[in-house]
Protein backbone atom coordinates (compact mmCIF):
# COMPACT_ATOMS: atom_id res chain seq x y z
CA MET A 1 20.72 -1.21 -2.82
CA ARG A 2 17.58 -3.21 -2.63
CA LEU A 3 14.48 -1.65 -3.80
CA VAL A 4 12.07 -2.02 -1.36
CA ALA A 5 8.15 -2.12 -1.89
CA PHE A 6 5.55 -1.83 -0.17
CA ASP A 7 1.36 -1.83 -0.15
CA PHE A 8 -0.11 0.17 2.34
CA ASP A 9 -3.88 0.30 3.05
CA GLY A 10 -3.69 -3.52 4.81
CA THR A 11 0.15 -3.44 4.91
CA LEU A 12 2.31 -0.08 6.22
CA SER A 13 -1.23 0.79 7.75
CA ASP A 14 -3.98 -1.01 9.09
CA SER A 15 -6.53 1.76 8.04
CA GLU A 16 -8.61 1.06 5.34
CA MET A 17 -8.50 4.45 3.20
CA THR A 18 -11.82 3.63 1.38
CA VAL A 19 -13.75 2.86 4.63
CA LEU A 20 -12.37 5.91 6.42
CA LEU A 21 -13.70 8.26 3.47
CA GLY A 22 -17.09 5.62 3.12
CA ARG A 23 -17.80 6.43 6.82
CA GLN A 24 -18.80 10.39 5.38
CA MET A 25 -21.39 9.13 2.91
CA ASP A 26 -22.56 6.26 5.50
CA VAL A 27 -21.32 3.27 3.19
CA ALA A 28 -18.43 2.72 5.09
CA ASP A 29 -20.27 -1.20 5.33
CA GLU A 30 -20.21 -1.09 1.58
CA MET A 31 -16.98 -0.13 1.46
CA ALA A 32 -15.71 -2.93 3.52
CA ASP A 33 -17.55 -5.65 1.63
CA ILE A 34 -16.41 -4.76 -1.73
CA THR A 35 -12.82 -4.16 -0.11
CA GLU A 36 -12.75 -8.37 0.61
CA ARG A 37 -14.52 -9.46 -1.90
CA ALA A 38 -11.37 -8.25 -3.98
CA MET A 39 -8.63 -8.83 -1.34
CA ASN A 40 -9.99 -12.26 -1.71
CA ASP A 41 -9.57 -12.20 -5.14
CA GLU A 42 -13.19 -12.70 -5.78
CA LEU A 43 -14.26 -9.35 -7.88
CA SER A 44 -11.18 -7.35 -10.30
CA TYR A 45 -9.36 -4.61 -8.34
CA ALA A 46 -10.32 -2.19 -10.73
CA ASP A 47 -14.10 -3.19 -10.64
CA SER A 48 -13.94 -2.95 -6.94
CA LEU A 49 -11.92 0.39 -7.28
CA ARG A 50 -14.50 2.50 -9.54
CA LYS A 51 -17.28 1.03 -7.33
CA ARG A 52 -16.26 2.25 -4.11
CA ALA A 53 -15.31 5.85 -5.99
CA ALA A 54 -18.48 5.64 -7.18
CA LEU A 55 -19.61 5.64 -3.54
CA LEU A 56 -18.26 8.76 -3.00
CA ASP A 57 -19.80 10.75 -5.53
CA GLY A 58 -20.66 14.18 -3.79
CA LEU A 59 -18.42 14.12 -0.85
CA ASP A 60 -16.97 17.14 0.23
CA ASP A 61 -13.74 17.42 -0.19
CA GLU A 62 -13.13 19.36 3.59
CA ALA A 63 -14.78 15.69 4.61
CA ALA A 64 -12.39 13.69 2.38
CA SER A 65 -9.59 15.49 4.05
CA GLU A 66 -10.63 15.05 7.35
CA ALA A 67 -11.10 10.51 6.16
CA TYR A 68 -7.41 11.16 4.79
CA GLY A 69 -6.12 12.47 8.34
CA GLN A 70 -7.55 9.81 10.08
CA VAL A 71 -5.44 7.49 8.41
CA THR A 72 -2.49 5.91 10.74
CA LEU A 73 0.75 4.05 10.24
CA ARG A 74 0.95 0.80 12.17
CA PRO A 75 3.56 0.63 14.94
CA GLY A 76 6.81 0.09 14.08
CA ALA A 77 6.52 0.89 10.67
CA ALA A 78 7.74 4.55 10.58
CA ASP A 79 11.26 3.19 12.40
CA LEU A 80 11.74 0.36 9.69
CA ILE A 81 11.16 2.66 6.90
CA GLU A 82 13.48 4.66 8.02
CA ARG A 83 15.85 2.01 9.04
CA LEU A 84 15.56 0.75 5.67
CA ARG A 85 16.94 4.05 3.99
CA ASP A 86 19.45 4.89 6.35
CA ALA A 87 20.74 1.32 5.34
CA GLY A 88 21.04 2.33 1.60
CA HIS A 89 17.61 1.09 0.18
CA HIS A 90 14.92 2.75 -2.03
CA VAL A 91 11.80 2.55 -0.34
CA ALA A 92 8.28 2.58 -2.85
CA ILE A 93 5.16 2.65 -1.59
CA LEU A 94 2.89 0.97 -4.37
CA THR A 95 -1.04 1.03 -3.99
CA GLY A 96 -4.20 1.07 -5.20
CA GLY A 97 -5.28 3.39 -2.14
CA PHE A 98 -4.08 7.53 -2.75
CA GLU A 99 -1.34 9.90 -2.83
CA ARG A 100 -3.37 12.27 -0.32
CA GLY A 101 -4.30 9.22 2.17
CA VAL A 102 -0.29 7.67 2.40
CA GLU A 103 1.05 11.57 2.38
CA ARG A 104 -0.70 12.24 5.52
CA ALA A 105 0.19 9.26 7.20
CA LEU A 106 4.09 9.81 6.31
CA GLU A 107 4.04 13.18 7.52
CA LYS A 108 1.79 12.34 11.07
CA ASP A 109 5.03 10.12 11.39
CA GLY A 110 7.82 12.57 10.02
CA VAL A 111 9.10 10.28 8.02
CA GLU A 112 9.66 10.02 4.27
CA VAL A 113 9.90 6.65 1.06
CA ASP A 114 11.86 7.36 -1.88
CA SER A 115 8.85 7.00 -4.55
CA ILE A 116 4.79 6.74 -4.09
CA VAL A 117 2.87 5.25 -6.64
CA ALA A 118 -1.20 5.84 -6.27
CA ASN A 119 -4.16 6.49 -7.62
CA ARG A 120 -6.51 9.85 -6.99
CA LEU A 121 -9.69 10.98 -6.17
CA PRO A 122 -10.68 13.50 -8.54
CA VAL A 123 -12.25 16.99 -7.70
CA GLU A 124 -14.31 19.25 -8.88
CA GLY A 125 -16.31 21.85 -7.22
CA GLY A 126 -15.21 21.10 -3.82
CA ARG A 127 -16.63 17.76 -4.00
CA LEU A 128 -15.58 14.35 -4.96
CA THR A 129 -16.50 13.40 -9.09
CA GLY A 130 -17.19 9.48 -8.17
CA GLU A 131 -14.10 9.08 -10.42
CA VAL A 132 -11.01 7.55 -9.70
CA GLU A 133 -7.58 8.33 -11.23
CA GLY A 134 -4.10 7.07 -11.16
CA PRO A 135 -1.76 3.72 -12.60
CA LEU A 136 -2.83 1.49 -10.40
CA ILE A 137 -6.51 0.94 -11.49
CA GLU A 138 -6.04 -1.10 -14.41
CA GLY A 139 -1.78 -1.39 -13.93
CA THR A 140 -0.30 -3.65 -11.91
CA LYS A 141 2.06 -3.59 -9.15
CA ASP A 142 4.14 -5.54 -10.98
CA GLU A 143 4.76 -3.02 -13.73
CA ALA A 144 5.12 -0.57 -11.40
CA LEU A 145 7.96 -2.73 -9.91
CA GLU A 146 9.69 -3.67 -12.56
CA SER A 147 9.45 0.06 -13.69
CA LEU A 148 10.93 1.80 -10.63
CA ALA A 149 14.05 -0.79 -11.09
CA ASP A 150 14.45 -0.38 -14.67
CA GLU A 151 14.65 3.37 -13.48
CA LEU A 152 17.13 2.63 -10.76
CA ASP A 153 18.59 0.32 -12.35
CA VAL A 154 18.00 -2.63 -10.07
CA ASP A 155 17.71 -6.30 -10.93
CA LEU A 156 14.25 -7.86 -9.85
CA ALA A 157 16.54 -10.29 -8.04
CA ARG A 158 17.64 -7.27 -5.50
CA THR A 159 13.62 -6.35 -5.20
CA VAL A 160 11.92 -7.08 -2.26
CA ALA A 161 7.96 -6.96 -1.96
CA VAL A 162 5.77 -6.76 1.21
CA GLY A 163 1.74 -7.17 0.76
CA ASP A 164 -1.51 -8.64 1.95
CA GLY A 165 -4.10 -8.52 -0.91
CA ALA A 166 -5.11 -10.46 -4.06
CA ASN A 167 -4.26 -6.94 -5.92
CA ASP A 168 -0.31 -7.53 -4.31
CA LEU A 169 0.14 -10.67 -6.06
CA PRO A 170 1.68 -9.42 -9.52
CA MET A 171 4.45 -7.68 -7.32
CA LEU A 172 5.22 -10.91 -4.77
CA GLU A 173 4.77 -13.31 -7.71
CA VAL A 174 7.69 -11.24 -9.57
CA ALA A 175 9.90 -9.67 -6.98
CA GLY A 176 13.39 -11.02 -5.40
CA LEU A 177 11.88 -11.79 -2.47
CA SER A 178 7.63 -11.25 -1.63
CA VAL A 179 6.74 -11.49 2.11
CA GLY A 180 2.90 -11.37 3.40
CA PHE A 181 2.02 -9.11 5.98
CA LEU A 182 -0.68 -11.21 7.57
CA PRO A 183 -1.80 -12.25 4.66
CA LYS A 184 -5.44 -13.19 2.23
CA PRO A 185 -5.80 -16.84 2.25
CA ALA A 186 -5.59 -16.36 -1.36
CA VAL A 187 -1.96 -14.51 -1.05
CA ARG A 188 -0.14 -16.62 1.55
CA PRO A 189 0.48 -19.52 -1.16
CA SER A 190 2.90 -16.65 -3.69
CA CYS A 191 4.90 -15.31 -0.52
CA ASP A 192 8.27 -16.51 0.64
CA ALA A 193 7.67 -15.76 4.26
CA VAL A 194 4.75 -13.96 6.19
CA VAL A 195 5.18 -11.98 9.21
CA ALA A 196 2.58 -10.32 11.12
CA SER A 197 4.34 -7.27 12.79
CA MET A 198 6.66 -4.93 11.38
CA TYR A 199 8.94 -5.69 14.12
CA ARG A 200 9.07 -9.33 12.45
CA LEU A 201 9.29 -7.91 9.43
CA GLY A 202 12.82 -5.43 11.00
CA LYS A 203 13.99 -9.48 11.73
CA LEU A 204 13.21 -11.19 8.64
CA PHE A 205 15.19 -8.13 6.94
CA GLU A 206 18.12 -8.08 9.09
CA GLY A 207 18.34 -12.51 8.51
CA HIS A 208 18.73 -11.38 5.01
CA SER A 209 21.39 -9.06 5.89
CA MET A 210 19.60 -5.99 4.30
CA LEU A 211 20.07 -4.59 7.89
CA LYS A 212 21.92 -4.91 11.05
CA ASN A 213 20.72 -6.26 13.98
CA SER A 214 18.48 -4.53 15.94
CA ASP A 215 19.40 -5.97 19.29
CA GLN A 216 22.90 -5.58 19.34
């Protein structure tokens, strides 16, 4: 077994959750700007997440639910997750994004993962509070990956990390195999391999004997 950890926004999904939420408050452009600065390592991830959450203060939870419902997986992502799990690997999602959006996207494609480590946007009185809670605000993805590996008794050398942005760098730097999925320029140097589709990612995993060749 290997532990395969995916980032979500920008990796398993090309939806940007905070932007979808921001559209409900007419702050999507501000959200996108903050996100881009964070992904290029111009702004700390914790600061960027708090800034984005603050822009959502007062958003009706029904509108938030509608935004979460728009989150989708990339083409081929669900099939790749199923292949990895069928091959006996533990598939995890480590994301600074939000549990509800991740769960809705997985449910939509009828696929499950083994672990989700994500953040939450608290709701009070039917509206978002503008706060954010969870393990991946100040906590980093290397800590999350190491903790999961320890729980599963998997050596770090047998872990795989797949991500695209600056907040993925910690897990990419400690994983046994680090893969950039359409990575930002600041991230590319830390990747053992770079792919631009779920199909190519599957082929990469086949090359590392993690999956059977799908063409046979």
